[in-house]
């Protein structure tokens, strides 16, 4: 019995058996966090790209805005399970802001109600307009073991019209 007590030949296997679940959990966790980070940045970049595309127009219509939504969906690469976009033309009178027009595409129920008093607008002069693009996407995580079963990313971006004072919606 004393000989077995001092025998150290199986300790590496036991240490490996104790550490492998922790290592697997760390590996899956790092993949999950990286995947969510990648999906978040894809959402941010898509929102800014869409706002930049719209800022280059002088007029927009429903057909154009539907194509913009398709571009937005393509940029997300199907990563978001539920997605929506709201595009608004915001006018300033020097003291407050108001929406001249607003269009929602996609699953509009996922977007929160638009409350312009809670949005931090860029500095705007009297009679200036900006385009506000709000996007939302619900993304499934690689693994739900860490409590990240589903994450919803809400983004917004501003762009000033480039060639006119305000973009007109037909």
Protein backbone atom coordinates (compact mmCIF):
# COMPACT_ATOMS: atom_id res chain seq x y z
CA UNK A 1 0.00 0.00 0.00
CA UNK A 2 2.90 2.37 0.78
CA UNK A 3 4.25 1.75 -2.68
CA UNK A 4 0.93 2.86 -4.31
CA UNK A 5 0.73 5.92 -2.07
CA UNK A 6 4.07 7.24 -3.30
CA UNK A 7 3.55 6.25 -6.95
CA UNK A 8 3.22 9.48 -9.07
CA UNK A 9 2.81 7.88 -12.51
CA UNK A 10 -0.91 8.85 -13.07
CA UNK A 11 -0.86 12.47 -11.90
CA UNK A 12 -0.51 14.00 -15.37
CA UNK A 13 -3.62 12.17 -16.59
CA UNK A 14 -5.64 13.25 -13.57
CA UNK A 15 -4.51 16.89 -13.93
CA UNK A 16 -5.42 16.77 -17.61
CA UNK A 17 -8.85 15.33 -16.78
CA UNK A 18 -9.44 18.13 -14.28
CA UNK A 19 -8.24 20.95 -16.56
CA UNK A 20 -9.74 19.94 -19.93
CA UNK A 21 -13.33 21.07 -19.07
CA UNK A 22 -12.00 24.49 -18.04
CA UNK A 23 -9.93 24.78 -21.22
CA UNK A 24 -12.89 23.78 -23.40
CA UNK A 25 -15.11 26.33 -21.63
CA UNK A 26 -12.51 29.06 -22.19
CA UNK A 27 -12.17 28.12 -25.85
CA UNK A 28 -15.92 28.14 -26.49
CA UNK A 29 -16.29 31.36 -24.49
CA UNK A 30 -13.64 33.18 -26.48
CA UNK A 31 -15.19 32.06 -29.78
CA UNK A 32 -18.63 33.22 -28.58
CA UNK A 33 -17.41 36.63 -27.44
CA UNK A 34 -15.43 37.19 -30.64
CA UNK A 35 -18.45 36.21 -32.76
CA UNK A 36 -20.73 38.64 -30.89
CA UNK A 37 -18.10 41.39 -31.20
CA UNK A 38 -17.84 40.73 -34.95
CA UNK A 39 -21.63 40.86 -35.35
CA UNK A 40 -21.79 44.09 -33.34
CA UNK A 41 -19.17 45.80 -35.55
CA UNK A 42 -20.88 44.54 -38.68
CA UNK A 43 -24.06 46.23 -37.41
CA UNK A 44 -22.19 49.50 -36.69
CA UNK A 45 -20.51 49.55 -40.09
CA UNK A 46 -23.72 48.68 -41.94
CA UNK A 47 -25.57 51.53 -40.23
CA UNK A 48 -22.90 54.06 -41.18
CA UNK A 49 -22.71 52.79 -44.76
CA UNK A 50 -26.48 53.15 -45.17
CA UNK A 51 -26.46 56.68 -43.75
CA UNK A 52 -23.63 57.63 -46.11
CA UNK A 53 -25.49 56.21 -49.13
CA UNK A 54 -28.64 58.16 -48.32
CA UNK A 55 -26.71 61.39 -47.69
CA UNK A 56 -25.56 61.34 -51.33
CA UNK A 57 -29.12 61.47 -52.69
CA UNK A 58 -31.38 64.46 -53.34
CA UNK A 59 -34.69 62.57 -53.33
CA UNK A 60 -35.71 59.12 -52.15
CA UNK A 61 -38.80 56.98 -52.69
CA UNK A 62 -40.14 53.68 -51.34
CA UNK A 63 -38.41 51.63 -54.03
CA UNK A 64 -35.02 53.20 -53.24
CA UNK A 65 -35.49 52.74 -49.49
CA UNK A 66 -36.41 49.08 -50.04
CA UNK A 67 -33.14 48.65 -51.96
CA UNK A 68 -31.30 50.36 -49.10
CA UNK A 69 -32.84 47.84 -46.69
CA UNK A 70 -31.72 45.01 -48.97
CA UNK A 71 -28.19 46.45 -48.98
CA UNK A 72 -28.28 46.70 -45.18
CA UNK A 73 -29.44 43.08 -44.92
CA UNK A 74 -26.70 41.98 -47.31
CA UNK A 75 -24.04 43.79 -45.30
CA UNK A 76 -25.17 41.95 -42.18
CA UNK A 77 -24.65 38.75 -44.15
CA UNK A 78 -27.68 37.06 -42.62
CA UNK A 79 -26.14 37.23 -39.15
CA UNK A 80 -29.14 38.89 -37.53
CA UNK A 81 -32.27 36.82 -36.98
CA UNK A 82 -34.61 39.82 -36.73
CA UNK A 83 -33.58 43.10 -38.22
CA UNK A 84 -35.14 46.45 -38.99
CA UNK A 85 -34.11 49.89 -40.16
CA UNK A 86 -35.70 53.30 -39.67
CA UNK A 87 -34.58 56.20 -41.83
CA UNK A 88 -35.69 59.69 -40.83
CA UNK A 89 -35.06 63.20 -42.08
CA UNK A 90 -34.67 65.39 -39.01
CA UNK A 91 -35.09 69.17 -39.26
CA UNK A 92 -33.95 71.74 -36.73
CA UNK A 93 -35.53 75.11 -36.00
CA UNK A 94 -32.68 76.21 -33.77
CA UNK A 95 -34.35 75.17 -30.51
CA UNK A 96 -35.85 71.75 -31.17
CA UNK A 97 -35.86 69.01 -33.78
CA UNK A 98 -38.68 67.25 -35.60
CA UNK A 99 -38.98 64.48 -38.16
CA UNK A 100 -39.84 65.73 -41.65
CA UNK A 101 -40.38 62.11 -42.73
CA UNK A 102 -39.61 58.67 -41.40
CA UNK A 103 -39.69 55.23 -43.03
CA UNK A 104 -39.32 51.83 -41.36
CA UNK A 105 -38.29 48.70 -43.25
CA UNK A 106 -37.98 45.15 -41.98
CA UNK A 107 -39.44 43.92 -38.70
CA UNK A 108 -40.55 47.34 -37.41
CA UNK A 109 -41.95 45.89 -34.17
CA UNK A 110 -38.40 45.31 -32.93
CA UNK A 111 -37.45 48.99 -33.17
CA UNK A 112 -38.32 51.08 -30.12
CA UNK A 113 -40.70 53.99 -30.59
CA UNK A 114 -38.85 57.00 -31.95
CA UNK A 115 -38.31 59.60 -29.22
CA UNK A 116 -36.23 62.46 -30.61
CA UNK A 117 -35.86 64.07 -27.18
CA UNK A 118 -33.63 61.19 -26.05
CA UNK A 119 -31.32 61.26 -29.07
CA UNK A 120 -28.06 63.21 -28.89
CA UNK A 121 -28.00 65.03 -32.20
CA UNK A 122 -24.91 66.63 -33.67
CA UNK A 123 -24.77 70.41 -33.44
CA UNK A 124 -27.32 71.77 -35.89
CA UNK A 125 -27.97 75.31 -37.03
CA UNK A 126 -31.37 76.78 -37.70
CA UNK A 127 -33.02 75.19 -40.78
CA UNK A 128 -30.39 72.45 -41.01
CA UNK A 129 -31.37 68.81 -41.56
CA UNK A 130 -29.69 65.49 -40.89
CA UNK A 131 -30.52 61.94 -41.85
CA UNK A 132 -30.97 59.66 -38.85
CA UNK A 133 -30.57 55.96 -39.55
CA UNK A 134 -31.57 53.60 -36.74
CA UNK A 135 -30.94 49.88 -37.06
CA UNK A 136 -31.62 46.92 -34.84
CA UNK A 137 -30.51 43.33 -35.16
CA UNK A 138 -31.00 40.34 -32.92
CA UNK A 139 -28.07 37.95 -33.12
CA UNK A 140 -27.74 34.39 -31.86
CA UNK A 141 -24.52 33.61 -30.05
CA UNK A 142 -22.24 30.75 -31.07
CA UNK A 143 -22.89 29.09 -27.72
CA UNK A 144 -25.54 29.76 -25.10
CA UNK A 145 -23.49 28.21 -22.28
CA UNK A 146 -22.21 31.59 -21.11
CA UNK A 147 -25.65 33.20 -20.89
CA UNK A 148 -25.44 34.93 -24.28
CA UNK A 149 -28.23 33.08 -26.03
CA UNK A 150 -29.38 36.11 -27.98
CA UNK A 151 -28.07 39.68 -28.16
CA UNK A 152 -29.87 42.68 -29.64
CA UNK A 153 -27.77 45.50 -31.03
CA UNK A 154 -29.39 48.91 -31.57
CA UNK A 155 -27.38 51.46 -33.55
CA UNK A 156 -27.94 54.90 -34.98
CA UNK A 157 -25.94 57.12 -37.30
CA UNK A 158 -26.28 60.66 -38.56
CA UNK A 159 -25.37 62.06 -41.95
CA UNK A 160 -25.82 65.54 -43.35
CA UNK A 161 -27.19 65.72 -46.89
CA UNK A 162 -24.28 66.40 -49.23
CA UNK A 163 -25.84 68.12 -52.23
CA UNK A 164 -29.07 69.68 -50.92
CA UNK A 165 -30.25 71.24 -47.68
CA UNK A 166 -32.82 68.47 -47.12
CA UNK A 167 -33.49 65.11 -48.75
CA UNK A 168 -37.04 64.95 -50.10
CA UNK A 169 -39.13 61.79 -49.90
CA UNK A 170 -41.46 61.21 -52.85
